[in-house]
Amino acid sequence: IVSDLMDAGSPAWTEHVPKATILTMYFAKEGLQKIRPMLEQALIGKQCKIYTCGYPMPGWESQIVETVLDMPIHFYDWGNADVEDAILRADSFVDELPPRMSSAGNTMDQYMRKNTKSTFQPDPLPGFHPDDLVDYGWGDFD
């Protein structure tokens, strides 16, 4: 969809966003602040799961914040009045974990390092790419 998001009459706001069930946004904080009023207007009376990557939506409270590859992903469950109850119920799975994983001193990272079946191998030459060795013959002009 190619559209001017700063135009409130744009098809993005009148047709596409009101029909969306999931929105993922990659805007800086200033961009999120600018589109927020139009987004809120387009989603009145709707339910939509919204993800902002890198920055929180100014003025909104994230239900969940997850960091992936050092980038915070903020999740908002727009129009879902039951979201707080759902999150509280979902948190109970921690009580079900085996004692070795649920203890405060044993994080998932420590658990994964103990996994002897892992096929992960650290990069032997950080910053090196095998394509760097390919001779394309650029210097063969005689």
C-alpha atoms as a PDB file:
ATOM      1  CA  ILE A   1       0.000   0.000   0.000  1.00  0.00           C
ATOM      2  CA  VAL A   2       1.450   3.315  -1.024  1.00  0.00           C
ATOM      3  CA  SER A   3      -0.266   6.170   0.715  1.00  0.00           C
ATOM      4  CA  ASP A   4       0.374   9.529   2.356  1.00  0.00           C
ATOM      5  CA  LEU A   5      -0.066   8.716   6.040  1.00  0.00           C
ATOM      6  CA  MET A   6      -0.177  12.400   6.940  1.00  0.00           C
ATOM      7  CA  ASP A   7      -3.383  12.796   4.884  1.00  0.00           C
ATOM      8  CA  ALA A   8      -6.365  11.824   7.088  1.00  0.00           C
ATOM      9  CA  GLY A   9      -8.438  11.192   3.923  1.00  0.00           C
ATOM     10  CA  SER A  10      -5.887   8.745   2.541  1.00  0.00           C
ATOM     11  CA  PRO A  11      -7.100   5.209   1.641  1.00  0.00           C
ATOM     12  CA  ALA A  12      -4.732   3.908   4.310  1.00  0.00           C
ATOM     13  CA  TRP A  13      -6.869   5.525   7.025  1.00  0.00           C
ATOM     14  CA  THR A  14     -10.300   5.190   5.407  1.00  0.00           C
ATOM     15  CA  GLU A  15     -10.087   1.663   3.952  1.00  0.00           C
ATOM     16  CA  HIS A  16      -7.078  -0.389   5.045  1.00  0.00           C
ATOM     17  CA  VAL A  17      -6.404   0.408   8.713  1.00  0.00           C
ATOM     18  CA  PRO A  18     -10.068   0.034   9.807  1.00  0.00           C
ATOM     19  CA  LYS A  19     -10.077  -3.509   8.327  1.00  0.00           C
ATOM     20  CA  ALA A  20      -6.712  -4.504   9.819  1.00  0.00           C
ATOM     21  CA  THR A  21      -6.511  -7.055  12.610  1.00  0.00           C
ATOM     22  CA  ILE A  22      -2.731  -6.729  13.019  1.00  0.00           C
ATOM     23  CA  LEU A  23      -0.564  -3.651  12.424  1.00  0.00           C
ATOM     24  CA  THR A  24       3.221  -3.580  12.568  1.00  0.00           C
ATOM     25  CA  MET A  25       4.873  -0.167  12.540  1.00  0.00           C
ATOM     26  CA  TYR A  26       8.503   0.792  12.022  1.00  0.00           C
ATOM     27  CA  PHE A  27       8.383   4.505  12.819  1.00  0.00           C
ATOM     28  CA  ALA A  28      10.616   6.645  14.990  1.00  0.00           C
ATOM     29  CA  LYS A  29       9.004   8.214  18.048  1.00  0.00           C
ATOM     30  CA  GLU A  30       8.193  11.441  16.172  1.00  0.00           C
ATOM     31  CA  GLY A  31       6.467   9.513  13.377  1.00  0.00           C
ATOM     32  CA  LEU A  32       4.410   7.506  15.864  1.00  0.00           C
ATOM     33  CA  GLN A  33       3.377  10.728  17.604  1.00  0.00           C
ATOM     34  CA  LYS A  34       2.227  12.223  14.286  1.00  0.00           C
ATOM     35  CA  ILE A  35       0.132   9.252  13.142  1.00  0.00           C
ATOM     36  CA  ARG A  36      -1.299   8.387  16.565  1.00  0.00           C
ATOM     37  CA  PRO A  37      -4.425  10.622  16.356  1.00  0.00           C
ATOM     38  CA  MET A  38      -5.334   9.293  12.894  1.00  0.00           C
ATOM     39  CA  LEU A  39      -4.662   5.707  13.990  1.00  0.00           C
ATOM     40  CA  GLU A  40      -6.884   6.091  17.053  1.00  0.00           C
ATOM     41  CA  GLN A  41      -9.654   7.635  14.916  1.00  0.00           C
ATOM     42  CA  ALA A  42      -9.447   4.831  12.313  1.00  0.00           C
ATOM     43  CA  LEU A  43      -9.618   2.104  14.983  1.00  0.00           C
ATOM     44  CA  ILE A  44     -12.599   3.412  16.984  1.00  0.00           C
ATOM     45  CA  GLY A  45     -14.824   0.442  17.829  1.00  0.00           C
ATOM     46  CA  LYS A  46     -12.393  -2.082  16.320  1.00  0.00           C
ATOM     47  CA  GLN A  47     -10.066  -4.708  17.762  1.00  0.00           C
ATOM     48  CA  CYS A  48      -6.505  -4.802  16.458  1.00  0.00           C
ATOM     49  CA  LYS A  49      -3.166  -6.125  17.624  1.00  0.00           C
ATOM     50  CA  ILE A  50      -0.517  -3.436  17.155  1.00  0.00           C
ATOM     51  CA  TYR A  51       3.244  -3.871  17.226  1.00  0.00           C
ATOM     52  CA  THR A  52       5.667  -0.952  17.194  1.00  0.00           C
ATOM     53  CA  CYS A  53       9.282  -1.825  16.519  1.00  0.00           C
ATOM     54  CA  GLY A  54      12.002   0.221  18.155  1.00  0.00           C
ATOM     55  CA  TYR A  55       9.869   2.776  19.996  1.00  0.00           C
ATOM     56  CA  PRO A  56       6.735   2.789  22.145  1.00  0.00           C
ATOM     57  CA  MET A  57       3.610   4.571  20.937  1.00  0.00           C
ATOM     58  CA  PRO A  58       3.670   7.892  22.840  1.00  0.00           C
ATOM     59  CA  GLY A  59       0.804   8.061  25.342  1.00  0.00           C
ATOM     60  CA  TRP A  60      -0.016   4.333  25.181  1.00  0.00           C
ATOM     61  CA  GLU A  61       0.929   1.659  27.688  1.00  0.00           C
ATOM     62  CA  SER A  62       2.438  -1.520  26.206  1.00  0.00           C
ATOM     63  CA  GLN A  63       0.899  -4.802  27.322  1.00  0.00           C
ATOM     64  CA  ILE A  64       4.124  -6.624  26.457  1.00  0.00           C
ATOM     65  CA  VAL A  65       7.617  -5.450  25.524  1.00  0.00           C
ATOM     66  CA  GLU A  66       9.940  -8.033  24.001  1.00  0.00           C
ATOM     67  CA  THR A  67      13.491  -7.372  22.818  1.00  0.00           C
ATOM     68  CA  VAL A  68      14.497  -9.102  19.588  1.00  0.00           C
ATOM     69  CA  LEU A  69      18.008  -8.563  18.185  1.00  0.00           C
ATOM     70  CA  ASP A  70      18.446  -5.601  20.557  1.00  0.00           C
ATOM     71  CA  MET A  71      15.249  -3.947  19.259  1.00  0.00           C
ATOM     72  CA  PRO A  72      12.314  -3.489  21.632  1.00  0.00           C
ATOM     73  CA  ILE A  73       8.997  -4.654  20.193  1.00  0.00           C
ATOM     74  CA  HIS A  74       5.977  -3.093  21.927  1.00  0.00           C
ATOM     75  CA  PHE A  75       2.636  -4.916  21.793  1.00  0.00           C
ATOM     76  CA  TYR A  76      -0.741  -3.227  22.179  1.00  0.00           C
ATOM     77  CA  ASP A  77      -4.094  -5.022  22.098  1.00  0.00           C
ATOM     78  CA  TRP A  78      -6.341  -2.230  20.836  1.00  0.00           C
ATOM     79  CA  GLY A  79     -10.011  -2.509  21.737  1.00  0.00           C
ATOM     80  CA  ASN A  80      -9.687  -5.636  23.861  1.00  0.00           C
ATOM     81  CA  ALA A  81     -11.136  -4.908  27.301  1.00  0.00           C
ATOM     82  CA  ASP A  82     -10.194  -8.403  28.534  1.00  0.00           C
ATOM     83  CA  VAL A  83      -6.480  -8.019  27.832  1.00  0.00           C
ATOM     84  CA  GLU A  84      -5.481  -7.382  31.456  1.00  0.00           C
ATOM     85  CA  ASP A  85      -7.265 -10.510  32.618  1.00  0.00           C
ATOM     86  CA  ALA A  86      -5.720 -12.541  29.801  1.00  0.00           C
ATOM     87  CA  ILE A  87      -2.211 -11.391  30.660  1.00  0.00           C
ATOM     88  CA  LEU A  88      -2.685 -12.165  34.340  1.00  0.00           C
ATOM     89  CA  ARG A  89      -3.964 -15.660  33.531  1.00  0.00           C
ATOM     90  CA  ALA A  90      -1.102 -16.269  31.089  1.00  0.00           C
ATOM     91  CA  ASP A  91       1.486 -15.402  33.747  1.00  0.00           C
ATOM     92  CA  SER A  92       0.514 -18.464  35.783  1.00  0.00           C
ATOM     93  CA  PHE A  93       2.615 -20.751  33.548  1.00  0.00           C
ATOM     94  CA  VAL A  94       5.679 -19.711  35.583  1.00  0.00           C
ATOM     95  CA  ASP A  95       4.311 -21.696  38.511  1.00  0.00           C
ATOM     96  CA  GLU A  96       4.211 -24.784  36.278  1.00  0.00           C
ATOM     97  CA  LEU A  97       7.935 -24.696  35.335  1.00  0.00           C
ATOM     98  CA  PRO A  98      10.306 -27.304  36.727  1.00  0.00           C
ATOM     99  CA  PRO A  99      12.196 -26.019  39.807  1.00  0.00           C
ATOM    100  CA  ARG A 100      15.536 -25.769  37.967  1.00  0.00           C
ATOM    101  CA  MET A 101      14.082 -23.302  35.416  1.00  0.00           C
ATOM    102  CA  SER A 102      11.844 -21.295  37.704  1.00  0.00           C
ATOM    103  CA  SER A 103      14.523 -20.376  40.242  1.00  0.00           C
ATOM    104  CA  ALA A 104      15.578 -16.749  40.178  1.00  0.00           C
ATOM    105  CA  GLY A 105      19.251 -17.561  39.616  1.00  0.00           C
ATOM    106  CA  ASN A 106      18.705 -19.804  36.594  1.00  0.00           C
ATOM    107  CA  THR A 107      17.745 -17.797  33.531  1.00  0.00           C
ATOM    108  CA  MET A 108      16.731 -19.251  30.176  1.00  0.00           C
ATOM    109  CA  ASP A 109      20.099 -18.108  28.801  1.00  0.00           C
ATOM    110  CA  GLN A 110      21.912 -20.241  31.376  1.00  0.00           C
ATOM    111  CA  TYR A 111      19.616 -23.153  30.560  1.00  0.00           C
ATOM    112  CA  MET A 112      20.383 -22.884  26.835  1.00  0.00           C
ATOM    113  CA  ARG A 113      24.154 -22.882  27.449  1.00  0.00           C
ATOM    114  CA  LYS A 114      23.760 -26.232  29.205  1.00  0.00           C
ATOM    115  CA  ASN A 115      22.010 -27.712  26.150  1.00  0.00           C
ATOM    116  CA  THR A 116      24.636 -30.123  24.806  1.00  0.00           C
ATOM    117  CA  LYS A 117      22.548 -31.030  21.741  1.00  0.00           C
ATOM    118  CA  SER A 118      22.759 -27.499  20.312  1.00  0.00           C
ATOM    119  CA  THR A 119      24.279 -27.172  16.840  1.00  0.00           C
ATOM    120  CA  PHE A 120      25.218 -23.520  17.366  1.00  0.00           C
ATOM    121  CA  GLN A 121      28.823 -22.719  16.490  1.00  0.00           C
ATOM    122  CA  PRO A 122      30.275 -19.273  17.200  1.00  0.00           C
ATOM    123  CA  ASP A 123      31.500 -17.396  14.129  1.00  0.00           C
ATOM    124  CA  PRO A 124      35.229 -18.227  13.819  1.00  0.00           C
ATOM    125  CA  LEU A 125      35.975 -15.030  11.886  1.00  0.00           C
ATOM    126  CA  PRO A 126      33.616 -12.210  12.932  1.00  0.00           C
ATOM    127  CA  GLY A 127      33.125  -9.732  10.095  1.00  0.00           C
ATOM    128  CA  PHE A 128      34.389 -12.184   7.458  1.00  0.00           C
ATOM    129  CA  HIS A 129      32.079 -13.420   4.711  1.00  0.00           C
ATOM    130  CA  PRO A 130      32.977 -16.401   2.434  1.00  0.00           C
ATOM    131  CA  ASP A 131      32.082 -14.334  -0.634  1.00  0.00           C
ATOM    132  CA  ASP A 132      35.118 -12.158   0.164  1.00  0.00           C
ATOM    133  CA  LEU A 133      37.288 -14.974  -1.231  1.00  0.00           C
ATOM    134  CA  VAL A 134      35.539 -15.182  -4.608  1.00  0.00           C
ATOM    135  CA  ASP A 135      37.679 -13.870  -7.459  1.00  0.00           C
ATOM    136  CA  TYR A 136      35.324 -12.281  -9.932  1.00  0.00           C
ATOM    137  CA  GLY A 137      38.165 -11.455 -12.285  1.00  0.00           C
ATOM    138  CA  TRP A 138      37.768  -7.700 -11.944  1.00  0.00           C
ATOM    139  CA  GLY A 139      41.533  -7.222 -12.267  1.00  0.00           C
ATOM    140  CA  ASP A 140      41.892  -9.358 -15.426  1.00  0.00           C
ATOM    141  CA  PHE A 141      41.561  -6.476 -17.872  1.00  0.00           C
ATOM    142  CA  ASP A 142      44.627  -6.474 -20.172  1.00  0.00           C
END
